[in-house]
Structures are given as C-alpha cells and as structure tokens.
Amino acid sequence: REALAPLREAVRFGPESAEAWYNLGVALGSLGDHAEARAAFERAVANRPDDARAWANLGVARLLTGDRAGAVACVEQLRPLDRVRAAKLAAQLDATP
C-alpha cells in the first residue's frame, strides 16, 4: 500500500493525466481494490477516451465489481480501438457467470 502514495500524488497534481490515473488503477487492481481501481480507470478513459488499455482494465474492474452491463459497454468502446483486447474482454465476460 505504500507504493500507492506516489501514484496518489501524481493524480492529485495532475488530475488530467490519463496515464497517472491508469497507473493508479493498475496498482489498486493488483491489490484487489477493484472498486477504487474502477474509479481510477473511469478517470483515465474520461481524460483519454482512445486508450484501449484503460478501457480493457475498466471492463475487468466493472466485471469484478458486479457491473456486467458496464463491462459489456467497455467491449463496445474497445472494438474500434483494439479488436484483440475487445475479444479478450468479451471472452472473460462469457466465462464469468
């Protein structure tokens, strides 16, 4: 959790930085805090709507927080950006009851 401090500082000083939000989301997700990761990925895609990595991770975070419809919406956002990531997320949705 100590590693989060500089990432939180980065988004505090650069709230428009999609990369900072993305990095925070990845760190939070790796710690199992999927709700906070989801919020960070939401900010990342708001700041950079063409970031396929952020959409893919947002889809996973939505799925892990019980928002299946939101994850499906991420697949739709991903398709024109990165068909491979979209297919992987769709497969993950199909494999999750």
N, C-alpha and C. Protein backbone atom coordinates (compact mmCIF):
# COMPACT_ATOMS: atom_id res chain seq x y z
N ARG A 1 0.82 -1.21 0.00
CA ARG A 1 0.00 0.00 0.00
C ARG A 1 0.86 1.27 0.00
N GLU A 2 2.09 1.15 0.48
CA GLU A 2 2.98 2.32 0.49
C GLU A 2 3.27 2.80 -0.92
N ALA A 3 3.28 1.88 -1.88
CA ALA A 3 3.56 2.24 -3.27
C ALA A 3 2.46 3.11 -3.86
N LEU A 4 1.30 3.13 -3.22
CA LEU A 4 0.20 3.95 -3.73
C LEU A 4 0.43 5.44 -3.51
N ALA A 5 1.19 5.79 -2.50
CA ALA A 5 1.38 7.21 -2.15
C ALA A 5 1.87 8.05 -3.33
N PRO A 6 2.94 7.65 -4.03
CA PRO A 6 3.37 8.48 -5.15
C PRO A 6 2.37 8.49 -6.30
N LEU A 7 1.63 7.40 -6.46
CA LEU A 7 0.62 7.37 -7.52
C LEU A 7 -0.54 8.29 -7.19
N ARG A 8 -0.92 8.32 -5.92
CA ARG A 8 -1.99 9.25 -5.49
C ARG A 8 -1.53 10.70 -5.62
N GLU A 9 -0.26 10.93 -5.33
CA GLU A 9 0.30 12.28 -5.51
C GLU A 9 0.25 12.69 -6.98
N ALA A 10 0.57 11.76 -7.85
CA ALA A 10 0.58 12.05 -9.29
C ALA A 10 -0.80 12.48 -9.78
N VAL A 11 -1.86 11.81 -9.32
CA VAL A 11 -3.19 12.21 -9.77
C VAL A 11 -3.66 13.47 -9.08
N ARG A 12 -3.16 13.71 -7.88
CA ARG A 12 -3.52 14.95 -7.19
C ARG A 12 -2.92 16.16 -7.90
N PHE A 13 -1.67 16.02 -8.34
CA PHE A 13 -1.01 17.13 -9.03
C PHE A 13 -1.31 17.19 -10.52
N GLY A 14 -1.78 16.08 -11.08
CA GLY A 14 -2.12 16.05 -12.50
C GLY A 14 -3.43 15.34 -12.75
N PRO A 15 -4.53 15.91 -12.27
CA PRO A 15 -5.82 15.21 -12.39
C PRO A 15 -6.27 14.97 -13.83
N GLU A 16 -5.65 15.66 -14.77
CA GLU A 16 -5.99 15.47 -16.18
C GLU A 16 -5.10 14.42 -16.84
N SER A 17 -4.19 13.84 -16.09
CA SER A 17 -3.25 12.86 -16.64
C SER A 17 -3.88 11.46 -16.70
N ALA A 18 -4.25 11.04 -17.90
CA ALA A 18 -4.81 9.71 -18.07
C ALA A 18 -3.82 8.64 -17.64
N GLU A 19 -2.56 8.86 -17.92
CA GLU A 19 -1.53 7.88 -17.57
C GLU A 19 -1.42 7.71 -16.06
N ALA A 20 -1.49 8.82 -15.33
CA ALA A 20 -1.42 8.75 -13.86
C ALA A 20 -2.61 7.97 -13.30
N TRP A 21 -3.81 8.24 -13.82
CA TRP A 21 -5.00 7.52 -13.36
C TRP A 21 -4.90 6.05 -13.73
N TYR A 22 -4.40 5.76 -14.94
CA TYR A 22 -4.26 4.38 -15.37
C TYR A 22 -3.30 3.63 -14.43
N ASN A 23 -2.16 4.23 -14.14
CA ASN A 23 -1.17 3.58 -13.27
C ASN A 23 -1.74 3.34 -11.87
N LEU A 24 -2.50 4.31 -11.36
CA LEU A 24 -3.13 4.13 -10.06
C LEU A 24 -4.13 2.98 -10.11
N GLY A 25 -4.90 2.91 -11.17
CA GLY A 25 -5.87 1.84 -11.33
C GLY A 25 -5.22 0.47 -11.37
N VAL A 26 -4.12 0.36 -12.09
CA VAL A 26 -3.40 -0.92 -12.16
C VAL A 26 -2.91 -1.32 -10.77
N ALA A 27 -2.33 -0.39 -10.05
CA ALA A 27 -1.82 -0.69 -8.70
C ALA A 27 -2.95 -1.10 -7.77
N LEU A 28 -4.05 -0.37 -7.80
CA LEU A 28 -5.18 -0.70 -6.94
C LEU A 28 -5.76 -2.07 -7.30
N GLY A 29 -5.87 -2.34 -8.58
CA GLY A 29 -6.38 -3.64 -9.01
C GLY A 29 -5.49 -4.78 -8.56
N SER A 30 -4.18 -4.55 -8.62
CA SER A 30 -3.25 -5.61 -8.21
C SER A 30 -3.35 -5.88 -6.71
N LEU A 31 -3.84 -4.90 -5.96
CA LEU A 31 -4.03 -5.07 -4.52
C LEU A 31 -5.43 -5.59 -4.20
N GLY A 32 -6.23 -5.82 -5.22
CA GLY A 32 -7.57 -6.35 -5.01
C GLY A 32 -8.63 -5.31 -4.70
N ASP A 33 -8.28 -4.04 -4.81
CA ASP A 33 -9.24 -2.97 -4.55
C ASP A 33 -9.90 -2.59 -5.88
N HIS A 34 -10.82 -3.44 -6.31
CA HIS A 34 -11.40 -3.28 -7.64
C HIS A 34 -12.34 -2.08 -7.75
N ALA A 35 -12.98 -1.72 -6.66
CA ALA A 35 -13.87 -0.56 -6.69
C ALA A 35 -13.07 0.72 -6.91
N GLU A 36 -11.98 0.87 -6.18
CA GLU A 36 -11.14 2.07 -6.37
C GLU A 36 -10.43 2.03 -7.71
N ALA A 37 -10.02 0.84 -8.13
CA ALA A 37 -9.39 0.70 -9.45
C ALA A 37 -10.37 1.14 -10.52
N ARG A 38 -11.60 0.72 -10.38
CA ARG A 38 -12.63 1.10 -11.35
C ARG A 38 -12.74 2.62 -11.45
N ALA A 39 -12.79 3.28 -10.31
CA ALA A 39 -12.89 4.74 -10.30
C ALA A 39 -11.70 5.38 -10.99
N ALA A 40 -10.51 4.84 -10.77
CA ALA A 40 -9.31 5.37 -11.42
C ALA A 40 -9.36 5.16 -12.93
N PHE A 41 -9.79 3.98 -13.36
CA PHE A 41 -9.89 3.72 -14.81
C PHE A 41 -10.98 4.59 -15.45
N GLU A 42 -12.04 4.87 -14.69
CA GLU A 42 -13.08 5.79 -15.20
C GLU A 42 -12.48 7.16 -15.50
N ARG A 43 -11.63 7.62 -14.59
CA ARG A 43 -10.96 8.92 -14.82
C ARG A 43 -9.99 8.85 -15.99
N ALA A 44 -9.30 7.71 -16.12
CA ALA A 44 -8.36 7.56 -17.23
C ALA A 44 -9.06 7.65 -18.57
N VAL A 45 -10.18 6.94 -18.73
CA VAL A 45 -10.87 6.97 -20.03
C VAL A 45 -11.57 8.31 -20.26
N ALA A 46 -11.96 8.98 -19.18
CA ALA A 46 -12.54 10.32 -19.34
C ALA A 46 -11.50 11.29 -19.88
N ASN A 47 -10.25 11.12 -19.44
CA ASN A 47 -9.17 12.00 -19.88
C ASN A 47 -8.57 11.59 -21.22
N ARG A 48 -8.67 10.32 -21.55
CA ARG A 48 -8.14 9.84 -22.83
C ARG A 48 -9.06 8.74 -23.36
N PRO A 49 -10.13 9.13 -24.06
CA PRO A 49 -11.14 8.17 -24.50
C PRO A 49 -10.65 7.14 -25.53
N ASP A 50 -9.47 7.35 -26.08
CA ASP A 50 -8.96 6.39 -27.08
C ASP A 50 -7.92 5.43 -26.49
N ASP A 51 -7.85 5.36 -25.17
CA ASP A 51 -6.86 4.49 -24.51
C ASP A 51 -7.45 3.09 -24.33
N ALA A 52 -7.09 2.19 -25.23
CA ALA A 52 -7.62 0.82 -25.20
C ALA A 52 -7.25 0.09 -23.92
N ARG A 53 -6.03 0.31 -23.42
CA ARG A 53 -5.61 -0.36 -22.18
C ARG A 53 -6.55 0.01 -21.03
N ALA A 54 -6.85 1.29 -20.94
CA ALA A 54 -7.71 1.77 -19.84
C ALA A 54 -9.13 1.21 -19.99
N TRP A 55 -9.66 1.18 -21.22
CA TRP A 55 -10.99 0.60 -21.42
C TRP A 55 -11.01 -0.87 -21.04
N ALA A 56 -9.98 -1.61 -21.43
CA ALA A 56 -9.92 -3.04 -21.11
C ALA A 56 -9.87 -3.25 -19.59
N ASN A 57 -9.03 -2.49 -18.91
CA ASN A 57 -8.93 -2.62 -17.46
C ASN A 57 -10.20 -2.14 -16.76
N LEU A 58 -10.83 -1.11 -17.30
CA LEU A 58 -12.09 -0.66 -16.75
C LEU A 58 -13.14 -1.76 -16.88
N GLY A 59 -13.15 -2.43 -18.02
CA GLY A 59 -14.09 -3.53 -18.22
C GLY A 59 -13.90 -4.64 -17.20
N VAL A 60 -12.66 -4.99 -16.94
CA VAL A 60 -12.37 -6.02 -15.94
C VAL A 60 -12.80 -5.54 -14.55
N ALA A 61 -12.47 -4.31 -14.22
CA ALA A 61 -12.84 -3.77 -12.90
C ALA A 61 -14.36 -3.73 -12.75
N ARG A 62 -15.05 -3.35 -13.81
CA ARG A 62 -16.51 -3.34 -13.74
C ARG A 62 -17.04 -4.76 -13.53
N LEU A 63 -16.48 -5.70 -14.24
CA LEU A 63 -16.91 -7.09 -14.09
C LEU A 63 -16.67 -7.58 -12.67
N LEU A 64 -15.50 -7.26 -12.12
CA LEU A 64 -15.15 -7.71 -10.77
C LEU A 64 -15.95 -7.01 -9.68
N THR A 65 -16.56 -5.89 -10.02
CA THR A 65 -17.41 -5.19 -9.03
C THR A 65 -18.89 -5.43 -9.30
N GLY A 66 -19.19 -6.40 -10.16
CA GLY A 66 -20.57 -6.80 -10.39
C GLY A 66 -21.34 -6.02 -11.42
N ASP A 67 -20.65 -5.19 -12.19
CA ASP A 67 -21.31 -4.38 -13.21
C ASP A 67 -21.10 -5.01 -14.59
N ARG A 68 -21.84 -6.07 -14.84
CA ARG A 68 -21.71 -6.79 -16.11
C ARG A 68 -22.08 -5.90 -17.30
N ALA A 69 -23.17 -5.14 -17.17
CA ALA A 69 -23.59 -4.25 -18.26
C ALA A 69 -22.51 -3.21 -18.56
N GLY A 70 -21.87 -2.71 -17.53
CA GLY A 70 -20.78 -1.76 -17.73
C GLY A 70 -19.59 -2.39 -18.43
N ALA A 71 -19.31 -3.65 -18.11
CA ALA A 71 -18.22 -4.36 -18.77
C ALA A 71 -18.54 -4.58 -20.25
N VAL A 72 -19.80 -4.90 -20.53
CA VAL A 72 -20.22 -5.06 -21.93
C VAL A 72 -20.05 -3.74 -22.68
N ALA A 73 -20.38 -2.63 -22.04
CA ALA A 73 -20.20 -1.32 -22.66
C ALA A 73 -18.73 -1.06 -22.98
N CYS A 74 -17.84 -1.55 -22.12
CA CYS A 74 -16.40 -1.41 -22.38
C CYS A 74 -15.98 -2.20 -23.62
N VAL A 75 -16.57 -3.39 -23.80
CA VAL A 75 -16.28 -4.17 -25.01
C VAL A 75 -16.64 -3.36 -26.24
N GLU A 76 -17.80 -2.71 -26.20
CA GLU A 76 -18.25 -1.91 -27.33
C GLU A 76 -17.31 -0.72 -27.58
N GLN A 77 -16.84 -0.10 -26.52
CA GLN A 77 -15.89 1.01 -26.66
C GLN A 77 -14.56 0.52 -27.22
N LEU A 78 -14.18 -0.67 -26.84
CA LEU A 78 -12.89 -1.24 -27.25
C LEU A 78 -12.84 -1.66 -28.71
N ARG A 79 -13.96 -2.16 -29.23
CA ARG A 79 -13.94 -2.75 -30.58
C ARG A 79 -13.26 -1.87 -31.63
N PRO A 80 -13.61 -0.60 -31.75
CA PRO A 80 -12.93 0.21 -32.78
C PRO A 80 -11.49 0.58 -32.42
N LEU A 81 -11.13 0.45 -31.15
CA LEU A 81 -9.80 0.83 -30.70
C LEU A 81 -8.79 -0.32 -30.78
N ASP A 82 -9.25 -1.50 -30.36
CA ASP A 82 -8.35 -2.67 -30.27
C ASP A 82 -9.21 -3.93 -30.25
N ARG A 83 -9.37 -4.54 -31.41
CA ARG A 83 -10.25 -5.71 -31.53
C ARG A 83 -9.76 -6.89 -30.69
N VAL A 84 -8.45 -7.03 -30.54
CA VAL A 84 -7.91 -8.13 -29.75
C VAL A 84 -8.28 -7.97 -28.29
N ARG A 85 -8.07 -6.78 -27.74
CA ARG A 85 -8.45 -6.54 -26.34
C ARG A 85 -9.95 -6.69 -26.16
N ALA A 86 -10.73 -6.23 -27.14
CA ALA A 86 -12.18 -6.35 -27.06
C ALA A 86 -12.58 -7.83 -27.02
N ALA A 87 -11.95 -8.64 -27.85
CA ALA A 87 -12.26 -10.08 -27.88
C ALA A 87 -11.87 -10.75 -26.56
N LYS A 88 -10.74 -10.37 -26.00
CA LYS A 88 -10.31 -10.96 -24.72
C LYS A 88 -11.28 -10.60 -23.60
N LEU A 89 -11.72 -9.34 -23.57
CA LEU A 89 -12.67 -8.93 -22.54
C LEU A 89 -14.01 -9.63 -22.75
N ALA A 90 -14.45 -9.76 -23.99
CA ALA A 90 -15.70 -10.47 -24.28
C ALA A 90 -15.61 -11.92 -23.84
N ALA A 91 -14.46 -12.55 -24.06
CA ALA A 91 -14.27 -13.94 -23.63
C ALA A 91 -14.31 -14.05 -22.12
N GLN A 92 -13.73 -13.07 -21.43
CA GLN A 92 -13.77 -13.06 -19.97
C GLN A 92 -15.22 -12.92 -19.48
N LEU A 93 -15.99 -12.09 -20.16
CA LEU A 93 -17.40 -11.95 -19.81
C LEU A 93 -18.14 -13.25 -20.01
N ASP A 94 -17.86 -13.92 -21.12
CA ASP A 94 -18.53 -15.20 -21.41
C ASP A 94 -18.17 -16.26 -20.37
N ALA A 95 -16.97 -16.19 -19.83
CA ALA A 95 -16.51 -17.20 -18.87
C ALA A 95 -16.95 -16.91 -17.44
N THR A 96 -17.53 -15.72 -17.22
CA THR A 96 -17.94 -15.33 -15.88
C THR A 96 -19.46 -15.48 -15.74
N PRO A 97 -19.89 -16.27 -14.79
CA PRO A 97 -21.36 -16.49 -14.62
C PRO A 97 -22.09 -15.23 -14.19
